[in-house]
Protein backbone atom coordinates (compact mmCIF):
# COMPACT_ATOMS: atom_id res chain seq x y z
CA LEU A 1 -5.55 11.68 7.55
CA ALA A 2 -7.73 12.86 4.65
CA ALA A 3 -7.48 15.95 2.44
CA PRO A 4 -10.80 16.61 0.66
CA VAL A 5 -10.76 18.24 -2.79
CA ALA A 6 -14.12 19.96 -3.34
CA TYR A 7 -15.72 21.64 -6.36
CA PHE A 8 -18.97 23.42 -7.00
CA CYS A 9 -21.36 21.41 -9.19
CA LEU A 10 -22.90 23.09 -12.25
CA GLU A 11 -25.89 20.71 -12.26
CA PRO A 12 -28.42 20.42 -9.37
CA VAL A 13 -27.64 16.73 -8.83
CA SER A 14 -25.66 16.70 -5.58
CA LEU A 15 -26.72 15.98 -2.01
CA SER A 16 -26.45 19.66 -1.10
CA GLY A 17 -29.83 20.84 0.09
CA ALA A 18 -31.17 17.28 0.38
CA ARG A 19 -32.75 17.88 3.81
CA THR A 20 -36.05 19.14 2.41
CA PHE A 21 -39.50 18.28 3.79
CA SER A 22 -40.34 16.00 0.86
CA HIS A 23 -36.98 14.20 0.94
CA ARG A 24 -37.30 13.60 4.69
CA TRP A 25 -40.70 12.00 4.31
CA LYS A 26 -39.62 9.99 1.27
CA HIS A 27 -36.78 8.53 3.31
CA ARG A 28 -38.93 8.01 6.41
CA LEU A 29 -41.73 6.23 4.51
CA PHE A 30 -39.84 4.34 1.82
CA GLY A 31 -36.14 4.50 2.73
CA THR A 32 -35.35 6.08 -0.63
CA GLY A 33 -34.31 9.47 -2.01
CA PRO A 34 -31.18 11.57 -1.44
CA LEU A 35 -31.22 11.00 2.33
CA ALA A 36 -30.76 7.26 1.74
CA SER A 37 -27.23 8.01 0.55
CA ASN A 38 -24.35 6.96 2.79
CA GLY A 39 -22.56 10.17 1.82
CA ALA A 40 -19.63 8.38 0.21
CA GLU A 41 -21.00 6.91 -3.00
CA ALA A 42 -17.83 5.38 -4.45
CA GLY A 43 -14.25 4.66 -3.59
CA ALA A 44 -10.96 3.33 -4.89
CA VAL A 45 -7.70 2.11 -3.39
CA PHE A 46 -4.42 2.44 -5.28
CA LYS A 47 -0.64 2.58 -4.94
CA SER A 48 1.43 5.73 -4.75
CA ASP A 49 4.19 3.66 -6.34
CA THR A 50 3.52 0.69 -8.64
CA THR A 51 6.38 -1.25 -7.05
CA LEU A 52 4.57 -1.44 -3.69
CA ALA A 53 3.19 -4.79 -2.57
CA ALA A 54 -0.17 -3.31 -1.50
CA CYS A 55 -2.21 -0.14 -1.83
CA ASP A 56 -1.33 2.78 0.42
CA LEU A 57 -3.88 5.40 -0.72
CA GLU A 58 -7.65 5.59 -1.02
CA ILE A 59 -10.03 8.06 -2.63
CA LEU A 60 -13.70 8.39 -1.67
CA PHE A 61 -16.31 10.25 -3.72
CA SER A 62 -18.91 12.39 -1.97
CA ALA A 63 -21.83 13.95 -3.84
CA GLY A 64 -21.58 17.11 -1.76
CA HIS A 65 -19.16 19.69 -0.40
CA TYR A 66 -17.01 17.79 2.10
CA VAL A 67 -15.72 20.92 3.83
CA ASP A 68 -14.97 20.94 7.57
CA HIS A 69 -16.39 17.42 7.95
CA GLY A 70 -19.49 18.50 6.02
CA PHE A 71 -20.49 21.12 8.59
CA ALA A 72 -19.35 24.18 6.61
CA SER A 73 -21.34 24.46 3.39
CA PRO A 74 -20.09 27.01 0.85
CA GLY A 75 -23.61 27.09 -0.65
CA GLY A 76 -25.03 25.62 -3.82
CA HIS A 77 -24.39 22.16 -5.18
CA GLY A 78 -21.02 20.47 -5.01
CA PHE A 79 -19.02 17.27 -5.03
CA SER A 80 -15.74 16.11 -3.55
CA LEU A 81 -13.00 13.56 -3.89
CA ILE A 82 -11.35 12.69 -0.58
CA PRO A 83 -7.78 11.34 -0.73
CA ILE A 84 -6.84 9.29 2.34
CA LEU A 85 -3.48 7.97 3.54
CA LEU A 86 -4.01 4.31 4.42
CA THR A 87 -0.52 3.66 5.77
CA PRO A 88 0.43 6.61 8.00
CA SER A 89 3.84 6.54 9.64
CA SER A 90 2.89 9.30 12.09
CA ARG A 91 1.83 8.09 15.52
CA GLY A 92 -0.30 10.05 17.95
CA PHE A 93 -1.28 9.26 21.51
CA LEU A 94 -4.23 8.82 23.85
CA SER A 95 -3.73 9.25 27.58
CA LEU A 96 -5.64 9.99 30.76
CA ARG A 97 -6.18 13.66 31.57
CA THR A 98 -6.75 13.14 35.30
CA ALA A 99 -7.42 10.33 37.76
CA ASP A 100 -11.17 10.92 37.29
CA PRO A 101 -12.46 8.30 34.81
CA LEU A 102 -15.30 10.65 33.78
CA ASP A 103 -12.91 13.31 32.49
CA PRO A 104 -12.36 13.19 28.72
CA PRO A 105 -8.95 11.79 27.73
CA LEU A 106 -6.14 13.63 26.00
CA ILE A 107 -6.05 12.74 22.28
CA ASP A 108 -3.45 13.96 19.80
CA PRO A 109 -3.30 12.18 16.41
CA ALA A 110 0.00 13.99 15.64
CA TYR A 111 -0.79 14.06 11.95
CA LEU A 112 2.22 14.67 9.66
CA SER A 113 4.63 14.33 12.57
CA ASN A 114 6.51 11.77 10.46
CA PRO A 115 7.84 13.50 7.31
CA ALA A 116 7.14 10.39 5.20
CA ASP A 117 3.37 11.03 5.25
CA LEU A 118 3.15 14.40 3.50
CA PRO A 119 4.57 13.37 0.09
CA LEU A 120 2.42 10.22 0.04
CA LEU A 121 -0.84 12.06 0.69
CA SER A 122 0.27 14.76 -1.77
CA GLU A 123 0.27 12.07 -4.45
CA GLY A 124 -3.31 11.26 -3.42
CA VAL A 125 -4.30 14.92 -3.87
CA ARG A 126 -2.67 15.03 -7.31
CA THR A 127 -4.49 11.83 -8.33
CA ALA A 128 -7.82 13.22 -7.12
CA ARG A 129 -7.32 16.37 -9.18
CA ARG A 130 -6.43 14.36 -12.29
CA ILE A 131 -9.70 12.45 -11.91
CA LEU A 132 -11.72 15.63 -11.35
CA GLU A 133 -10.21 17.27 -14.43
CA GLN A 134 -11.34 14.49 -16.79
CA HIS A 135 -13.61 15.42 -19.68
CA ALA A 136 -16.47 13.26 -18.36
CA LEU A 137 -16.84 15.62 -15.39
CA ALA A 138 -16.55 18.85 -17.39
CA LYS A 139 -20.30 19.54 -17.48
CA PHE A 140 -20.52 19.14 -13.69
CA ARG A 141 -17.26 20.75 -12.59
CA GLY A 142 -17.53 24.34 -11.40
CA ALA A 143 -15.07 26.42 -9.42
CA PRO A 144 -12.85 24.76 -6.81
CA VAL A 145 -13.35 25.33 -3.13
CA PRO A 146 -11.93 27.63 -1.68
CA GLY A 147 -11.77 29.36 -5.05
CA ARG A 148 -8.14 28.62 -5.88
CA ILE A 149 -5.91 25.63 -6.48
CA LEU A 150 -3.33 25.16 -3.74
CA GLU A 151 -0.11 23.18 -4.03
CA PRO A 152 -0.78 19.65 -2.69
CA GLU A 153 1.30 20.06 0.47
CA GLN A 154 -0.29 23.41 1.30
CA HIS A 155 -3.73 21.98 0.53
CA ILE A 156 -3.13 19.14 3.00
CA ARG A 157 -1.93 21.49 5.74
CA GLU A 158 -4.96 23.78 5.31
CA TRP A 159 -7.66 21.20 4.53
CA GLY A 160 -6.44 18.01 6.18
CA GLN A 161 -8.85 16.37 8.63
CA THR A 162 -9.47 13.10 10.40
CA LEU A 163 -11.39 10.28 8.74
CA TYR A 164 -12.64 9.07 12.14
CA HIS A 165 -10.93 5.65 12.13
CA PRO A 166 -8.54 5.78 15.10
CA ALA A 167 -6.82 2.54 16.03
CA GLY A 168 -3.95 1.08 17.98
CA SER A 169 -3.99 2.74 21.41
CA CYS A 170 -4.07 -0.67 23.20
CA LYS A 171 -1.99 -2.74 20.81
CA LEU A 172 -1.90 -6.52 20.81
CA GLY A 173 1.47 -8.18 21.27
CA THR A 174 4.18 -9.29 23.66
CA ASP A 175 6.59 -6.33 23.55
CA ALA A 176 6.89 -3.58 26.17
CA GLU A 177 4.28 -1.35 24.44
CA ALA A 178 1.66 -4.11 24.11
CA VAL A 179 -1.50 -3.84 26.22
CA VAL A 180 -3.26 -7.13 25.39
CA GLY A 181 -2.10 -10.62 24.49
CA ALA A 182 -3.32 -13.08 21.86
CA ASN A 183 -6.20 -14.02 24.19
CA LEU A 184 -7.26 -10.32 24.23
CA LYS A 185 -6.63 -10.18 27.99
CA VAL A 186 -5.03 -7.02 29.34
CA HIS A 187 -1.49 -7.74 30.53
CA GLY A 188 -1.21 -7.69 34.32
CA MET A 189 -4.97 -7.62 34.99
CA GLU A 190 -7.58 -10.28 35.72
CA GLY A 191 -11.00 -10.48 34.14
CA LEU A 192 -10.52 -7.74 31.54
CA ARG A 193 -10.39 -8.17 27.78
CA ILE A 194 -10.34 -5.58 25.00
CA ALA A 195 -12.07 -6.32 21.70
CA ASP A 196 -12.09 -3.27 19.45
CA ALA A 197 -9.93 -1.35 16.95
CA SER A 198 -7.58 -0.21 19.71
CA ILE A 199 -5.82 -3.61 19.75
CA PHE A 200 -4.55 -3.38 16.15
CA PRO A 201 -0.74 -3.30 16.31
CA ASN A 202 -0.72 -1.45 12.98
CA VAL A 203 -3.25 0.75 11.19
CA PRO A 204 -5.09 -1.56 8.74
CA ARG A 205 -5.19 -0.68 5.03
CA ALA A 206 -8.97 -0.52 5.26
CA HIS A 207 -11.86 1.09 7.05
CA THR A 208 -11.92 -0.30 10.57
CA ASN A 209 -15.48 -1.68 10.65
CA ALA A 210 -14.81 -5.12 9.14
CA PRO A 211 -11.51 -5.73 11.01
CA THR A 212 -13.23 -4.80 14.29
CA ILE A 213 -16.02 -7.30 13.60
CA LEU A 214 -13.30 -9.92 13.07
CA VAL A 215 -11.81 -9.06 16.48
CA ALA A 216 -15.27 -9.33 18.08
CA GLU A 217 -15.89 -12.75 16.51
CA ARG A 218 -12.54 -13.94 17.83
CA ALA A 219 -13.36 -12.55 21.28
CA ALA A 220 -16.65 -14.48 21.23
CA GLN A 221 -14.76 -17.70 20.42
CA LEU A 222 -12.33 -17.13 23.29
CA LEU A 223 -15.12 -16.39 25.78
CA ARG A 224 -16.91 -19.59 24.75
CA GLY A 225 -13.70 -21.47 25.48
């Protein structure tokens, strides 16, 4: 779960309005310009409590208004810090809707269903605001979106959204909830392996791209024998 904190930018230096004719051609011909941005220019991981063994929060920086997944632009230039809970205790589900394999499945992430998550992500929102209120950003920082500062818990409930890294619906293991074993074969089936982020028994403290590549490399080793 992520809870973007967005501000208007007083200088015309953000990615808002980057899809101009000249920028499109600059990117198409040379691979440069604003459209070469990955949208999340910087990031940091940190601990909500210094006594923790590992980081449980992340903040990404976006040089644009990250509102409603970037689809709802409030107009003008803007920038955002996006606090993310790396270690959610809430658990959602994915299940079949019908017996027709072409029907979309039922997906419910059940965000904040475990009460431990809200105070942790609230600390991420407070940290993001402390960063945004630093003097170095004063000349860029305009009004907040949506025009007022909400308490962290209310902000999360109103502005929380997925960060698109689902994992764990076909967990690896040997217990009753496990779907695949250490050889990535589906329990009780022949000739079927799973090699993607769904096999993670726990949500990794990282974006899922690199861990999934690791799973794929291991799957390739197993298939080669």
